[in-house]
Amino acid sequence: MPQPTPAPLHDIVGPLPFFPYTPWQVGIVVGIFILLLGAIVWVIWKLCQKPPLTPREATMKALASMKKELMKGNDHDFGMFVSRLLRYYLSEVFALAAPRQTTEEFLASLRESTRFTPTEQESLGIFLKQSDLLKFAGGKASEQERLALITAAEDFVRGEGPEG
């Protein structure tokens, strides 16, 4: 019986590469992709972000919302809120201690200062005393009186300050 012919021997070849890039090349490409993606996300986030409101804008916005709900709440709370708005505005813009001082202390400190004209000091005094009547004396305010307080605060904020 004849013997089968053995199969021819071929050269042994190592594994064929199925991915032509080395790990460090892949790492560099992934790193660049992550950096680009991060930059795109950061740019979009910055574009969508609104600039913070200035003290003037924030105060005017709060006063406008008070106008919309003019007769909402009791007179005491109204007096507290409108007074606090103007006092914090004065604190932020003019670096005054208005929120920490009584009306009398604050007005006395204004008399020593040349920051406000006598007319402005007088209008601030009238505003603060009217709001104090609502806060501490249990005063009552009609719709027109509340509107007058808000308008006085708006006029002061609109007309004064380093922003224009």
C-alpha atoms as a PDB file:
ATOM      1  CA  MET A   1       0.000   0.000   0.000  1.00  0.00           C
ATOM      2  CA  PRO A   2       1.317   3.235  -0.997  1.00  0.00           C
ATOM      3  CA  GLN A   3       1.959   5.804   1.640  1.00  0.00           C
ATOM      4  CA  PRO A   4       0.178   9.138   1.442  1.00  0.00           C
ATOM      5  CA  THR A   5       2.364  11.977   0.478  1.00  0.00           C
ATOM      6  CA  PRO A   6       2.922  14.324   3.327  1.00  0.00           C
ATOM      7  CA  ALA A   7       1.513  17.800   3.065  1.00  0.00           C
ATOM      8  CA  PRO A   8       4.040  20.396   2.109  1.00  0.00           C
ATOM      9  CA  LEU A   9       5.413  22.451   4.978  1.00  0.00           C
ATOM     10  CA  HIS A  10       4.897  26.157   4.704  1.00  0.00           C
ATOM     11  CA  ASP A  11       6.806  28.834   6.507  1.00  0.00           C
ATOM     12  CA  ILE A  12       5.392  29.713   9.893  1.00  0.00           C
ATOM     13  CA  VAL A  13       4.028  33.229   9.906  1.00  0.00           C
ATOM     14  CA  GLY A  14       3.231  35.178  13.102  1.00  0.00           C
ATOM     15  CA  PRO A  15      -0.170  36.679  13.822  1.00  0.00           C
ATOM     16  CA  LEU A  16      -1.337  39.183  11.305  1.00  0.00           C
ATOM     17  CA  PRO A  17      -1.980  42.661  12.785  1.00  0.00           C
ATOM     18  CA  PHE A  18      -5.656  43.538  12.700  1.00  0.00           C
ATOM     19  CA  PHE A  19      -5.175  47.065  14.189  1.00  0.00           C
ATOM     20  CA  PRO A  20      -2.438  49.057  12.519  1.00  0.00           C
ATOM     21  CA  TYR A  21      -1.839  51.596  15.363  1.00  0.00           C
ATOM     22  CA  THR A  22       0.267  51.252  18.465  1.00  0.00           C
ATOM     23  CA  PRO A  23      -1.171  51.896  21.940  1.00  0.00           C
ATOM     24  CA  TRP A  24       0.657  55.209  22.357  1.00  0.00           C
ATOM     25  CA  GLN A  25      -0.772  56.482  19.050  1.00  0.00           C
ATOM     26  CA  VAL A  26      -4.260  55.572  20.211  1.00  0.00           C
ATOM     27  CA  GLY A  27      -3.602  57.297  23.555  1.00  0.00           C
ATOM     28  CA  ILE A  28      -2.540  60.511  21.846  1.00  0.00           C
ATOM     29  CA  VAL A  29      -5.636  60.552  19.624  1.00  0.00           C
ATOM     30  CA  VAL A  30      -7.943  59.856  22.591  1.00  0.00           C
ATOM     31  CA  GLY A  31      -6.239  62.601  24.621  1.00  0.00           C
ATOM     32  CA  ILE A  32      -6.661  65.141  21.819  1.00  0.00           C
ATOM     33  CA  PHE A  33     -10.307  64.119  21.433  1.00  0.00           C
ATOM     34  CA  ILE A  34     -10.952  64.581  25.161  1.00  0.00           C
ATOM     35  CA  LEU A  35      -9.275  68.004  25.125  1.00  0.00           C
ATOM     36  CA  LEU A  36     -11.336  69.148  22.135  1.00  0.00           C
ATOM     37  CA  LEU A  37     -14.547  67.833  23.657  1.00  0.00           C
ATOM     38  CA  GLY A  38     -13.742  69.598  26.938  1.00  0.00           C
ATOM     39  CA  ALA A  39     -13.035  72.867  25.109  1.00  0.00           C
ATOM     40  CA  ILE A  40     -16.322  72.644  23.205  1.00  0.00           C
ATOM     41  CA  VAL A  41     -18.285  71.955  26.410  1.00  0.00           C
ATOM     42  CA  TRP A  42     -16.543  74.857  28.189  1.00  0.00           C
ATOM     43  CA  VAL A  43     -17.280  77.303  25.318  1.00  0.00           C
ATOM     44  CA  ILE A  44     -20.938  76.270  25.203  1.00  0.00           C
ATOM     45  CA  TRP A  45     -21.204  76.614  28.998  1.00  0.00           C
ATOM     46  CA  LYS A  46     -19.663  80.101  28.891  1.00  0.00           C
ATOM     47  CA  LEU A  47     -21.972  81.199  26.081  1.00  0.00           C
ATOM     48  CA  CYS A  48     -25.063  79.967  27.917  1.00  0.00           C
ATOM     49  CA  GLN A  49     -24.062  81.536  31.213  1.00  0.00           C
ATOM     50  CA  LYS A  50     -25.716  84.871  31.957  1.00  0.00           C
ATOM     51  CA  PRO A  51     -23.553  87.603  33.405  1.00  0.00           C
ATOM     52  CA  PRO A  52     -24.318  88.315  37.055  1.00  0.00           C
ATOM     53  CA  LEU A  53     -26.659  91.191  37.756  1.00  0.00           C
ATOM     54  CA  THR A  54     -25.144  94.406  39.010  1.00  0.00           C
ATOM     55  CA  PRO A  55     -26.473  95.682  42.352  1.00  0.00           C
ATOM     56  CA  ARG A  56     -28.481  98.294  40.443  1.00  0.00           C
ATOM     57  CA  GLU A  57     -30.050  95.713  38.109  1.00  0.00           C
ATOM     58  CA  ALA A  58     -30.843  93.339  40.972  1.00  0.00           C
ATOM     59  CA  THR A  59     -32.471  96.120  43.013  1.00  0.00           C
ATOM     60  CA  MET A  60     -34.488  97.410  40.066  1.00  0.00           C
ATOM     61  CA  LYS A  61     -35.641  93.879  39.256  1.00  0.00           C
ATOM     62  CA  ALA A  62     -36.778  93.308  42.851  1.00  0.00           C
ATOM     63  CA  LEU A  63     -38.585  96.657  42.931  1.00  0.00           C
ATOM     64  CA  ALA A  64     -40.324  95.844  39.640  1.00  0.00           C
ATOM     65  CA  SER A  65     -41.537  92.533  41.052  1.00  0.00           C
ATOM     66  CA  MET A  66     -42.812  94.391  44.124  1.00  0.00           C
ATOM     67  CA  LYS A  67     -44.787  96.695  41.834  1.00  0.00           C
ATOM     68  CA  LYS A  68     -46.493  93.726  40.214  1.00  0.00           C
ATOM     69  CA  GLU A  69     -47.681  92.440  43.586  1.00  0.00           C
ATOM     70  CA  LEU A  70     -48.166  95.849  45.142  1.00  0.00           C
ATOM     71  CA  MET A  71     -50.859  95.060  47.695  1.00  0.00           C
ATOM     72  CA  LYS A  72     -49.701  91.534  48.485  1.00  0.00           C
ATOM     73  CA  GLY A  73     -48.673  90.966  52.082  1.00  0.00           C
ATOM     74  CA  ASN A  74     -49.044  93.143  55.128  1.00  0.00           C
ATOM     75  CA  ASP A  75     -47.707  96.670  55.524  1.00  0.00           C
ATOM     76  CA  HIS A  76     -45.000  95.645  58.014  1.00  0.00           C
ATOM     77  CA  ASP A  77     -43.458  93.129  55.609  1.00  0.00           C
ATOM     78  CA  PHE A  78     -43.728  95.584  52.729  1.00  0.00           C
ATOM     79  CA  GLY A  79     -41.891  98.254  54.741  1.00  0.00           C
ATOM     80  CA  MET A  80     -39.196  95.775  55.773  1.00  0.00           C
ATOM     81  CA  PHE A  81     -38.637  94.543  52.237  1.00  0.00           C
ATOM     82  CA  VAL A  82     -38.492  97.904  50.456  1.00  0.00           C
ATOM     83  CA  SER A  83     -36.243  99.356  53.157  1.00  0.00           C
ATOM     84  CA  ARG A  84     -33.940  96.337  53.090  1.00  0.00           C
ATOM     85  CA  LEU A  85     -33.637  96.554  49.293  1.00  0.00           C
ATOM     86  CA  LEU A  86     -32.497 100.158  49.355  1.00  0.00           C
ATOM     87  CA  ARG A  87     -30.206  99.641  52.358  1.00  0.00           C
ATOM     88  CA  TYR A  88     -28.444  96.696  50.710  1.00  0.00           C
ATOM     89  CA  TYR A  89     -28.136  98.670  47.503  1.00  0.00           C
ATOM     90  CA  LEU A  90     -26.448 101.488  49.431  1.00  0.00           C
ATOM     91  CA  SER A  91     -24.208  98.938  51.123  1.00  0.00           C
ATOM     92  CA  GLU A  92     -23.155  97.246  47.886  1.00  0.00           C
ATOM     93  CA  VAL A  93     -22.709 100.315  45.692  1.00  0.00           C
ATOM     94  CA  PHE A  94     -21.494 102.942  48.148  1.00  0.00           C
ATOM     95  CA  ALA A  95     -19.937 100.668  50.814  1.00  0.00           C
ATOM     96  CA  LEU A  96     -22.128 102.196  53.507  1.00  0.00           C
ATOM     97  CA  ALA A  97     -23.145 100.415  56.708  1.00  0.00           C
ATOM     98  CA  ALA A  98     -26.835 101.051  55.976  1.00  0.00           C
ATOM     99  CA  PRO A  99     -28.092  97.502  56.700  1.00  0.00           C
ATOM    100  CA  ARG A 100     -26.435  97.474  60.139  1.00  0.00           C
ATOM    101  CA  GLN A 101     -27.463 100.957  61.253  1.00  0.00           C
ATOM    102  CA  THR A 102     -30.694 102.425  62.498  1.00  0.00           C
ATOM    103  CA  THR A 103     -32.249 105.119  60.356  1.00  0.00           C
ATOM    104  CA  GLU A 104     -31.005 107.847  62.703  1.00  0.00           C
ATOM    105  CA  GLU A 105     -27.447 106.465  62.749  1.00  0.00           C
ATOM    106  CA  PHE A 106     -27.421 106.132  58.997  1.00  0.00           C
ATOM    107  CA  LEU A 107     -28.734 109.649  58.375  1.00  0.00           C
ATOM    108  CA  ALA A 108     -26.210 111.062  60.872  1.00  0.00           C
ATOM    109  CA  SER A 109     -23.387 109.316  59.008  1.00  0.00           C
ATOM    110  CA  LEU A 110     -24.653 110.806  55.742  1.00  0.00           C
ATOM    111  CA  ARG A 111     -24.532 114.335  57.139  1.00  0.00           C
ATOM    112  CA  GLU A 112     -20.805 113.912  57.744  1.00  0.00           C
ATOM    113  CA  SER A 113     -20.303 112.591  54.217  1.00  0.00           C
ATOM    114  CA  THR A 114     -20.127 114.531  50.974  1.00  0.00           C
ATOM    115  CA  ARG A 115     -21.180 111.502  48.966  1.00  0.00           C
ATOM    116  CA  PHE A 116     -24.802 112.679  48.639  1.00  0.00           C
ATOM    117  CA  THR A 117     -26.225 116.138  48.096  1.00  0.00           C
ATOM    118  CA  PRO A 118     -28.465 117.614  50.807  1.00  0.00           C
ATOM    119  CA  THR A 119     -31.499 116.977  48.571  1.00  0.00           C
ATOM    120  CA  GLU A 120     -30.554 113.313  48.191  1.00  0.00           C
ATOM    121  CA  GLN A 121     -29.974 113.002  51.918  1.00  0.00           C
ATOM    122  CA  GLU A 122     -33.386 114.531  52.587  1.00  0.00           C
ATOM    123  CA  SER A 123     -35.147 112.192  50.142  1.00  0.00           C
ATOM    124  CA  LEU A 124     -33.362 109.198  51.690  1.00  0.00           C
ATOM    125  CA  GLY A 125     -34.426 110.383  55.135  1.00  0.00           C
ATOM    126  CA  ILE A 126     -38.067 110.726  54.076  1.00  0.00           C
ATOM    127  CA  PHE A 127     -38.017 107.300  52.420  1.00  0.00           C
ATOM    128  CA  LEU A 128     -36.438 105.566  55.418  1.00  0.00           C
ATOM    129  CA  LYS A 129     -38.730 107.278  57.928  1.00  0.00           C
ATOM    130  CA  GLN A 130     -41.823 106.303  55.932  1.00  0.00           C
ATOM    131  CA  SER A 131     -40.695 102.701  55.731  1.00  0.00           C
ATOM    132  CA  ASP A 132     -39.873 102.787  59.475  1.00  0.00           C
ATOM    133  CA  LEU A 133     -43.450 103.870  60.160  1.00  0.00           C
ATOM    134  CA  LEU A 134     -44.643 100.729  58.397  1.00  0.00           C
ATOM    135  CA  LYS A 135     -42.058  98.496  60.050  1.00  0.00           C
ATOM    136  CA  PHE A 136     -42.099  99.648  63.638  1.00  0.00           C
ATOM    137  CA  ALA A 137     -45.135 101.844  64.256  1.00  0.00           C
ATOM    138  CA  GLY A 138     -47.713  99.552  62.693  1.00  0.00           C
ATOM    139  CA  GLY A 139     -48.522 102.153  60.074  1.00  0.00           C
ATOM    140  CA  LYS A 140     -50.910 101.492  57.233  1.00  0.00           C
ATOM    141  CA  ALA A 141     -50.095 102.193  53.602  1.00  0.00           C
ATOM    142  CA  SER A 142     -52.569 102.613  50.808  1.00  0.00           C
ATOM    143  CA  GLU A 143     -51.827 101.406  47.308  1.00  0.00           C
ATOM    144  CA  GLN A 144     -50.686 104.919  46.330  1.00  0.00           C
ATOM    145  CA  GLU A 145     -48.383 105.170  49.360  1.00  0.00           C
ATOM    146  CA  ARG A 146     -46.804 101.800  48.602  1.00  0.00           C
ATOM    147  CA  LEU A 147     -46.345 102.793  44.982  1.00  0.00           C
ATOM    148  CA  ALA A 148     -44.798 106.104  46.073  1.00  0.00           C
ATOM    149  CA  LEU A 149     -42.249 104.257  48.250  1.00  0.00           C
ATOM    150  CA  ILE A 150     -41.305 101.923  45.412  1.00  0.00           C
ATOM    151  CA  THR A 151     -41.073 104.829  42.970  1.00  0.00           C
ATOM    152  CA  ALA A 152     -38.876 106.798  45.389  1.00  0.00           C
ATOM    153  CA  ALA A 153     -36.546 103.819  45.724  1.00  0.00           C
ATOM    154  CA  GLU A 154     -36.462 103.330  41.940  1.00  0.00           C
ATOM    155  CA  ASP A 155     -35.707 106.998  41.368  1.00  0.00           C
ATOM    156  CA  PHE A 156     -32.843 106.908  43.843  1.00  0.00           C
ATOM    157  CA  VAL A 157     -31.375 103.710  42.392  1.00  0.00           C
ATOM    158  CA  ARG A 158     -31.803 104.915  38.825  1.00  0.00           C
ATOM    159  CA  GLY A 159     -30.273 108.310  39.485  1.00  0.00           C
ATOM    160  CA  GLU A 160     -27.285 107.468  41.659  1.00  0.00           C
ATOM    161  CA  GLY A 161     -24.336 105.151  41.791  1.00  0.00           C
ATOM    162  CA  PRO A 162     -21.068 104.565  40.039  1.00  0.00           C
ATOM    163  CA  GLU A 163     -22.767 102.710  37.194  1.00  0.00           C
ATOM    164  CA  GLY A 164     -24.211 105.829  35.618  1.00  0.00           C
END
